[in-house]
N, C-alpha and C. Protein backbone atom coordinates (compact mmCIF):
# COMPACT_ATOMS: atom_id res chain seq x y z
N UNK A 1 0.82 -1.19 0.00
CA UNK A 1 0.00 0.00 0.00
C UNK A 1 0.87 1.26 0.00
N UNK A 2 1.85 1.33 0.91
CA UNK A 2 2.72 2.49 0.99
C UNK A 2 3.48 2.67 -0.31
N UNK A 3 3.99 1.59 -0.88
CA UNK A 3 4.71 1.63 -2.14
C UNK A 3 3.83 2.16 -3.26
N UNK A 4 2.57 1.75 -3.29
CA UNK A 4 1.63 2.21 -4.30
C UNK A 4 1.40 3.72 -4.19
N UNK A 5 1.32 4.24 -2.97
CA UNK A 5 1.12 5.67 -2.76
C UNK A 5 2.31 6.46 -3.28
N UNK A 6 3.54 5.98 -3.03
CA UNK A 6 4.73 6.66 -3.53
C UNK A 6 4.74 6.64 -5.04
N UNK A 7 4.41 5.51 -5.64
CA UNK A 7 4.38 5.40 -7.10
C UNK A 7 3.40 6.37 -7.73
N UNK A 8 2.20 6.50 -7.14
CA UNK A 8 1.20 7.43 -7.67
C UNK A 8 1.69 8.87 -7.54
N UNK A 9 2.30 9.20 -6.41
CA UNK A 9 2.81 10.55 -6.20
C UNK A 9 3.90 10.87 -7.21
N UNK A 10 4.81 9.93 -7.42
CA UNK A 10 5.89 10.13 -8.37
C UNK A 10 5.32 10.36 -9.76
N UNK A 11 4.35 9.57 -10.18
CA UNK A 11 3.81 9.72 -11.53
C UNK A 11 3.09 11.05 -11.72
N UNK A 12 2.42 11.56 -10.69
CA UNK A 12 1.75 12.87 -10.78
C UNK A 12 2.79 13.96 -11.02
N UNK A 13 3.86 13.95 -10.25
CA UNK A 13 4.89 14.97 -10.42
C UNK A 13 5.61 14.81 -11.76
N UNK A 14 5.85 13.58 -12.19
CA UNK A 14 6.49 13.36 -13.48
C UNK A 14 5.66 13.95 -14.62
N UNK A 15 4.34 13.87 -14.52
CA UNK A 15 3.46 14.39 -15.56
C UNK A 15 3.55 15.90 -15.70
N UNK A 16 3.80 16.61 -14.61
CA UNK A 16 3.70 18.06 -14.63
C UNK A 16 5.03 18.79 -14.43
N UNK A 17 6.14 18.07 -14.41
CA UNK A 17 7.42 18.71 -14.14
C UNK A 17 7.74 19.80 -15.16
N UNK A 18 7.48 19.55 -16.42
CA UNK A 18 7.78 20.55 -17.45
C UNK A 18 6.90 21.79 -17.28
N UNK A 19 5.61 21.59 -17.02
CA UNK A 19 4.71 22.73 -16.81
C UNK A 19 5.10 23.53 -15.58
N UNK A 20 5.52 22.83 -14.52
CA UNK A 20 5.95 23.48 -13.28
C UNK A 20 7.14 24.39 -13.57
N UNK A 21 8.16 23.87 -14.25
CA UNK A 21 9.33 24.68 -14.56
C UNK A 21 8.99 25.81 -15.53
N UNK A 22 8.15 25.54 -16.51
CA UNK A 22 7.76 26.59 -17.46
C UNK A 22 7.01 27.72 -16.77
N UNK A 23 6.21 27.37 -15.75
CA UNK A 23 5.47 28.41 -15.03
C UNK A 23 6.45 29.36 -14.35
N UNK A 24 7.47 28.82 -13.70
CA UNK A 24 8.46 29.68 -13.06
C UNK A 24 9.27 30.45 -14.10
N UNK A 25 9.51 29.87 -15.27
CA UNK A 25 10.19 30.61 -16.35
C UNK A 25 9.35 31.81 -16.77
N UNK A 26 8.04 31.65 -16.81
CA UNK A 26 7.13 32.73 -17.23
C UNK A 26 6.89 33.76 -16.13
N UNK A 27 7.22 33.40 -14.89
CA UNK A 27 6.99 34.29 -13.73
C UNK A 27 8.27 34.41 -12.90
N UNK A 28 9.34 34.94 -13.47
CA UNK A 28 10.62 34.98 -12.75
C UNK A 28 10.58 35.82 -11.48
N UNK A 29 9.74 36.83 -11.44
CA UNK A 29 9.64 37.66 -10.24
C UNK A 29 9.06 36.87 -9.06
N UNK A 30 8.16 35.95 -9.33
CA UNK A 30 7.60 35.11 -8.26
C UNK A 30 8.65 34.10 -7.80
N UNK A 31 9.36 33.52 -8.76
CA UNK A 31 10.43 32.59 -8.40
C UNK A 31 11.45 33.29 -7.51
N UNK A 32 11.88 34.49 -7.90
CA UNK A 32 12.87 35.22 -7.11
C UNK A 32 12.33 35.57 -5.73
N UNK A 33 11.05 35.92 -5.64
CA UNK A 33 10.45 36.22 -4.33
C UNK A 33 10.48 34.98 -3.43
N UNK A 34 10.21 33.81 -4.00
CA UNK A 34 10.27 32.58 -3.21
C UNK A 34 11.70 32.27 -2.76
N UNK A 35 12.66 32.47 -3.65
CA UNK A 35 14.07 32.26 -3.30
C UNK A 35 14.47 33.21 -2.17
N UNK A 36 14.09 34.47 -2.27
CA UNK A 36 14.43 35.45 -1.24
C UNK A 36 13.82 35.07 0.11
N UNK A 37 12.58 34.59 0.11
CA UNK A 37 11.92 34.18 1.35
C UNK A 37 12.62 32.97 1.95
N UNK A 38 12.99 32.00 1.12
CA UNK A 38 13.67 30.80 1.63
C UNK A 38 15.06 31.14 2.18
N UNK A 39 15.76 32.05 1.53
CA UNK A 39 17.09 32.43 2.01
C UNK A 39 17.04 33.02 3.41
N UNK A 40 15.96 33.71 3.73
CA UNK A 40 15.81 34.29 5.06
C UNK A 40 15.67 33.21 6.14
N UNK A 41 15.19 32.04 5.75
CA UNK A 41 14.96 30.95 6.70
C UNK A 41 16.12 29.96 6.78
N UNK A 42 17.01 30.00 5.82
CA UNK A 42 18.09 29.03 5.74
C UNK A 42 19.27 29.43 6.62
N UNK A 43 19.94 28.43 7.21
CA UNK A 43 21.17 28.74 7.95
C UNK A 43 22.24 29.26 6.99
N UNK A 44 23.12 30.09 7.49
CA UNK A 44 24.18 30.67 6.66
C UNK A 44 25.34 29.70 6.44
N UNK A 45 25.48 28.70 7.31
CA UNK A 45 26.59 27.74 7.22
C UNK A 45 26.04 26.33 7.19
N UNK A 46 26.88 25.41 6.75
CA UNK A 46 26.52 24.00 6.78
C UNK A 46 26.16 23.46 5.41
N UNK A 47 25.80 22.19 5.40
CA UNK A 47 25.42 21.50 4.17
C UNK A 47 23.92 21.30 4.20
N UNK A 48 23.26 21.65 3.11
CA UNK A 48 21.81 21.50 3.03
C UNK A 48 21.41 20.36 2.13
N UNK A 49 20.19 19.91 2.28
CA UNK A 49 19.62 18.90 1.40
C UNK A 49 18.18 19.32 1.12
N UNK A 50 17.78 19.25 -0.14
CA UNK A 50 16.40 19.58 -0.50
C UNK A 50 15.60 18.29 -0.61
N UNK A 51 14.53 18.21 0.14
CA UNK A 51 13.64 17.05 0.09
C UNK A 51 12.62 17.30 -1.03
N UNK A 52 12.57 16.41 -2.00
CA UNK A 52 11.72 16.62 -3.17
C UNK A 52 12.39 17.58 -4.14
N UNK A 53 13.63 17.29 -4.51
CA UNK A 53 14.46 18.21 -5.29
C UNK A 53 13.95 18.41 -6.71
N UNK A 54 13.22 17.47 -7.25
CA UNK A 54 12.65 17.63 -8.60
C UNK A 54 13.70 17.97 -9.63
N UNK A 55 13.46 19.04 -10.38
CA UNK A 55 14.38 19.46 -11.44
C UNK A 55 15.63 20.13 -10.89
N UNK A 56 15.62 20.47 -9.62
CA UNK A 56 16.77 21.13 -9.02
C UNK A 56 16.74 22.65 -9.14
N UNK A 57 15.65 23.18 -9.64
CA UNK A 57 15.51 24.62 -9.85
C UNK A 57 15.79 25.40 -8.56
N UNK A 58 15.14 25.01 -7.47
CA UNK A 58 15.32 25.73 -6.21
C UNK A 58 16.68 25.41 -5.59
N UNK A 59 17.08 24.14 -5.64
CA UNK A 59 18.37 23.74 -5.07
C UNK A 59 19.50 24.53 -5.70
N UNK A 60 19.47 24.67 -7.00
CA UNK A 60 20.52 25.39 -7.70
C UNK A 60 20.53 26.86 -7.28
N UNK A 61 19.37 27.48 -7.26
CA UNK A 61 19.27 28.90 -6.89
C UNK A 61 19.67 29.15 -5.44
N UNK A 62 19.51 28.14 -4.60
CA UNK A 62 19.84 28.28 -3.18
C UNK A 62 21.21 27.71 -2.83
N UNK A 63 21.95 27.27 -3.86
CA UNK A 63 23.28 26.70 -3.67
C UNK A 63 23.25 25.46 -2.77
N UNK A 64 22.21 24.65 -2.93
CA UNK A 64 22.09 23.37 -2.23
C UNK A 64 22.59 22.29 -3.18
N UNK A 65 23.56 21.51 -2.73
CA UNK A 65 24.21 20.55 -3.62
C UNK A 65 23.70 19.13 -3.51
N UNK A 66 22.75 18.88 -2.59
CA UNK A 66 22.22 17.53 -2.43
C UNK A 66 20.70 17.58 -2.34
N UNK A 67 20.06 16.57 -2.89
CA UNK A 67 18.62 16.48 -2.81
C UNK A 67 18.19 15.03 -2.70
N UNK A 68 16.97 14.84 -2.28
CA UNK A 68 16.40 13.50 -2.21
C UNK A 68 15.09 13.52 -2.99
N UNK A 69 14.86 12.48 -3.76
CA UNK A 69 13.70 12.45 -4.65
C UNK A 69 13.09 11.05 -4.63
N UNK A 70 11.75 10.96 -4.56
CA UNK A 70 11.11 9.64 -4.65
C UNK A 70 11.26 9.08 -6.07
N UNK A 71 11.45 7.77 -6.15
CA UNK A 71 11.60 7.10 -7.45
C UNK A 71 10.86 5.78 -7.46
N UNK A 72 10.59 5.28 -8.65
CA UNK A 72 10.04 3.93 -8.82
C UNK A 72 11.16 3.05 -9.37
N UNK A 73 11.25 1.83 -8.86
CA UNK A 73 12.22 0.91 -9.44
C UNK A 73 11.53 0.10 -10.55
N UNK A 74 12.26 -0.79 -11.16
CA UNK A 74 11.72 -1.58 -12.26
C UNK A 74 10.60 -2.53 -11.87
N UNK A 75 10.39 -2.73 -10.58
CA UNK A 75 9.34 -3.62 -10.10
C UNK A 75 8.09 -2.86 -9.68
N UNK A 76 8.06 -1.54 -9.92
CA UNK A 76 6.91 -0.73 -9.54
C UNK A 76 6.88 -0.37 -8.07
N UNK A 77 7.98 -0.66 -7.37
CA UNK A 77 8.06 -0.33 -5.95
C UNK A 77 8.70 1.04 -5.80
N UNK A 78 8.24 1.78 -4.80
CA UNK A 78 8.78 3.12 -4.57
C UNK A 78 9.94 3.11 -3.62
N UNK A 79 10.75 4.12 -3.70
CA UNK A 79 11.88 4.32 -2.82
C UNK A 79 12.36 5.75 -2.96
N UNK A 80 13.58 6.00 -2.54
CA UNK A 80 14.14 7.34 -2.63
C UNK A 80 15.56 7.25 -3.14
N UNK A 81 15.99 8.30 -3.81
CA UNK A 81 17.36 8.40 -4.29
C UNK A 81 17.93 9.72 -3.80
N UNK A 82 19.19 9.69 -3.38
CA UNK A 82 19.89 10.92 -3.00
C UNK A 82 20.64 11.40 -4.23
N UNK A 83 20.47 12.66 -4.55
CA UNK A 83 21.05 13.25 -5.76
C UNK A 83 22.14 14.24 -5.35
N UNK A 84 23.29 14.13 -5.97
CA UNK A 84 24.36 15.10 -5.77
C UNK A 84 24.36 16.00 -6.98
N UNK A 85 24.18 17.29 -6.75
CA UNK A 85 24.06 18.22 -7.86
C UNK A 85 25.36 18.96 -8.10
N UNK A 86 25.69 19.13 -9.36
CA UNK A 86 26.82 19.96 -9.77
C UNK A 86 26.23 21.15 -10.51
N UNK A 87 26.74 22.35 -10.26
CA UNK A 87 26.25 23.49 -11.04
C UNK A 87 26.43 23.22 -12.53
N UNK A 88 25.53 23.72 -13.34
CA UNK A 88 25.56 23.47 -14.78
C UNK A 88 26.90 23.87 -15.37
N UNK A 89 27.49 24.95 -14.89
CA UNK A 89 28.77 25.41 -15.41
C UNK A 89 29.89 24.39 -15.20
N UNK A 90 29.72 23.46 -14.24
CA UNK A 90 30.75 22.47 -13.97
C UNK A 90 30.57 21.17 -14.75
N UNK A 91 29.56 21.08 -15.60
CA UNK A 91 29.27 19.83 -16.30
C UNK A 91 30.00 19.69 -17.63
N UNK A 92 30.85 20.61 -17.97
CA UNK A 92 31.56 20.55 -19.26
C UNK A 92 32.54 19.43 -19.31
């Protein structure tokens, strides 16, 4: 049952990830306002991790290098993966 719930949640987000990112592309002032609000709440030092990192849009803007994301394995069972992010400029 729990595995099924994770799988359904993952598939819902997978369906709308492009629209979600496109919405923030079309509304950069709202994205920046959210980043500014989150920065006020974040510690100034230490290592952060974003839970539900998705495309990494927020993690990248907040200089968070690690995220965790729900995934489905080949058997239809849900789990989580830890993602280590590199800034796009470092991927050459």
